[in-house]
């Protein structure tokens, strides 16, 4: 993989429960240790509009490629600057553990 194509810097986040102090928990997102400042390539694939409950929602789907890292699942999300992507699918190309492609939805 040519390093020049990995021109975006992302971080991988996971949900962590946070105690409210009143006995219940809320969830918060935080960077996974060692998975911040990851070089990545981001390609927009599809732009879709849908009308749901009289609210127009634009859903953009992207393909994000990084050098392979173990431990990333569809329960994680990607943070790219102020943009957030939820991971729908992971592809370990040819099962060689060299690159990891993630098909993701951007939350607008």
Protein backbone atom coordinates (compact mmCIF):
# COMPACT_ATOMS: atom_id res chain seq x y z
CA UNK A 1 0.00 0.00 0.00
CA UNK A 2 1.34 3.41 -0.91
CA UNK A 3 1.63 5.62 2.16
CA UNK A 4 0.65 8.74 0.21
CA UNK A 5 -2.93 7.52 -0.09
CA UNK A 6 -3.30 7.53 3.72
CA UNK A 7 -3.60 11.30 3.99
CA UNK A 8 -6.39 11.56 6.57
CA UNK A 9 -5.86 11.19 10.33
CA UNK A 10 -8.60 9.34 12.22
CA UNK A 11 -9.13 7.83 15.64
CA UNK A 12 -11.06 4.68 16.58
CA UNK A 13 -13.44 5.07 19.51
CA UNK A 14 -15.34 2.71 21.78
CA UNK A 15 -18.34 3.14 24.05
CA UNK A 16 -17.61 3.31 27.74
CA UNK A 17 -20.22 3.37 30.49
CA UNK A 18 -20.11 6.46 32.71
CA UNK A 19 -21.73 6.49 36.13
CA UNK A 20 -24.07 9.40 36.74
CA UNK A 21 -23.55 9.09 40.50
CA UNK A 22 -27.23 8.25 41.01
CA UNK A 23 -26.89 4.53 40.34
CA UNK A 24 -27.46 4.60 36.60
CA UNK A 25 -25.06 4.74 33.69
CA UNK A 26 -24.84 6.65 30.45
CA UNK A 27 -22.56 5.86 27.57
CA UNK A 28 -19.71 7.99 26.33
CA UNK A 29 -17.30 7.56 23.42
CA UNK A 30 -13.54 7.68 23.97
CA UNK A 31 -10.46 6.95 21.87
CA UNK A 32 -9.07 3.44 22.20
CA UNK A 33 -5.56 3.54 23.62
CA UNK A 34 -3.07 3.34 20.77
CA UNK A 35 -5.74 3.91 18.13
CA UNK A 36 -5.58 7.67 17.80
CA UNK A 37 -3.78 9.52 15.00
CA UNK A 38 -4.18 6.62 12.55
CA UNK A 39 -3.35 7.44 8.91
CA UNK A 40 -6.31 6.53 6.68
CA UNK A 41 -7.76 6.89 3.21
CA UNK A 42 -11.42 7.95 3.04
CA UNK A 43 -13.55 7.58 -0.09
CA UNK A 44 -17.21 8.64 -0.38
CA UNK A 45 -19.25 5.87 -2.03
CA UNK A 46 -22.97 6.75 -2.00
CA UNK A 47 -25.13 9.70 -1.00
CA UNK A 48 -28.70 8.80 -0.07
CA UNK A 49 -31.61 10.90 1.05
CA UNK A 50 -34.53 9.46 2.98
CA UNK A 51 -37.67 10.97 4.40
CA UNK A 52 -38.40 9.49 7.81
CA UNK A 53 -41.01 10.91 10.19
CA UNK A 54 -41.20 14.04 8.05
CA UNK A 55 -37.49 14.71 8.61
CA UNK A 56 -35.12 14.72 5.65
CA UNK A 57 -32.02 12.72 6.50
CA UNK A 58 -28.92 12.52 4.34
CA UNK A 59 -26.92 9.34 4.79
CA UNK A 60 -23.48 9.20 3.22
CA UNK A 61 -21.63 5.89 3.01
CA UNK A 62 -17.82 5.80 2.92
CA UNK A 63 -15.01 3.31 2.55
CA UNK A 64 -12.14 3.91 4.99
CA UNK A 65 -8.84 2.06 4.63
CA UNK A 66 -6.08 1.79 7.25
CA UNK A 67 -3.10 -0.45 7.81
CA UNK A 68 -4.33 -3.58 9.54
CA UNK A 69 -4.95 -3.37 13.28
CA UNK A 70 -6.43 -6.18 15.36
CA UNK A 71 -9.27 -5.50 17.76
CA UNK A 72 -11.46 -3.20 15.66
CA UNK A 73 -15.11 -4.31 15.48
CA UNK A 74 -18.43 -2.97 14.25
CA UNK A 75 -19.10 -1.81 17.83
CA UNK A 76 -16.42 0.87 17.37
CA UNK A 77 -16.78 4.15 15.54
CA UNK A 78 -14.40 6.43 13.65
CA UNK A 79 -13.75 10.06 14.45
CA UNK A 80 -12.30 12.23 11.65
CA UNK A 81 -12.05 15.82 12.86
CA UNK A 82 -15.61 16.84 13.69
CA UNK A 83 -17.09 14.04 11.56
CA UNK A 84 -18.31 10.72 12.98
CA UNK A 85 -18.61 7.40 11.13
CA UNK A 86 -20.26 4.22 12.39
CA UNK A 87 -18.63 1.02 11.12
CA UNK A 88 -21.00 -1.34 9.27
CA UNK A 89 -18.52 -3.86 7.91
CA UNK A 90 -14.83 -4.80 8.14
CA UNK A 91 -12.81 -6.36 5.33
CA UNK A 92 -9.36 -7.86 5.91
CA UNK A 93 -8.26 -7.91 2.26
CA UNK A 94 -7.27 -11.44 1.22
CA UNK A 95 -7.03 -12.33 4.95
CA UNK A 96 -3.40 -11.16 4.84
CA UNK A 97 -3.65 -8.68 7.76
CA UNK A 98 -2.04 -5.91 5.71
CA UNK A 99 -4.95 -3.53 5.13
CA UNK A 100 -8.32 -3.15 6.78
CA UNK A 101 -11.23 -1.67 4.83
CA UNK A 102 -14.19 -0.38 6.79
CA UNK A 103 -17.56 0.38 5.23
CA UNK A 104 -19.04 3.13 7.35
CA UNK A 105 -22.01 5.49 7.65
CA UNK A 106 -21.40 9.14 8.36
CA UNK A 107 -23.80 10.64 10.87
CA UNK A 108 -24.87 14.05 9.56
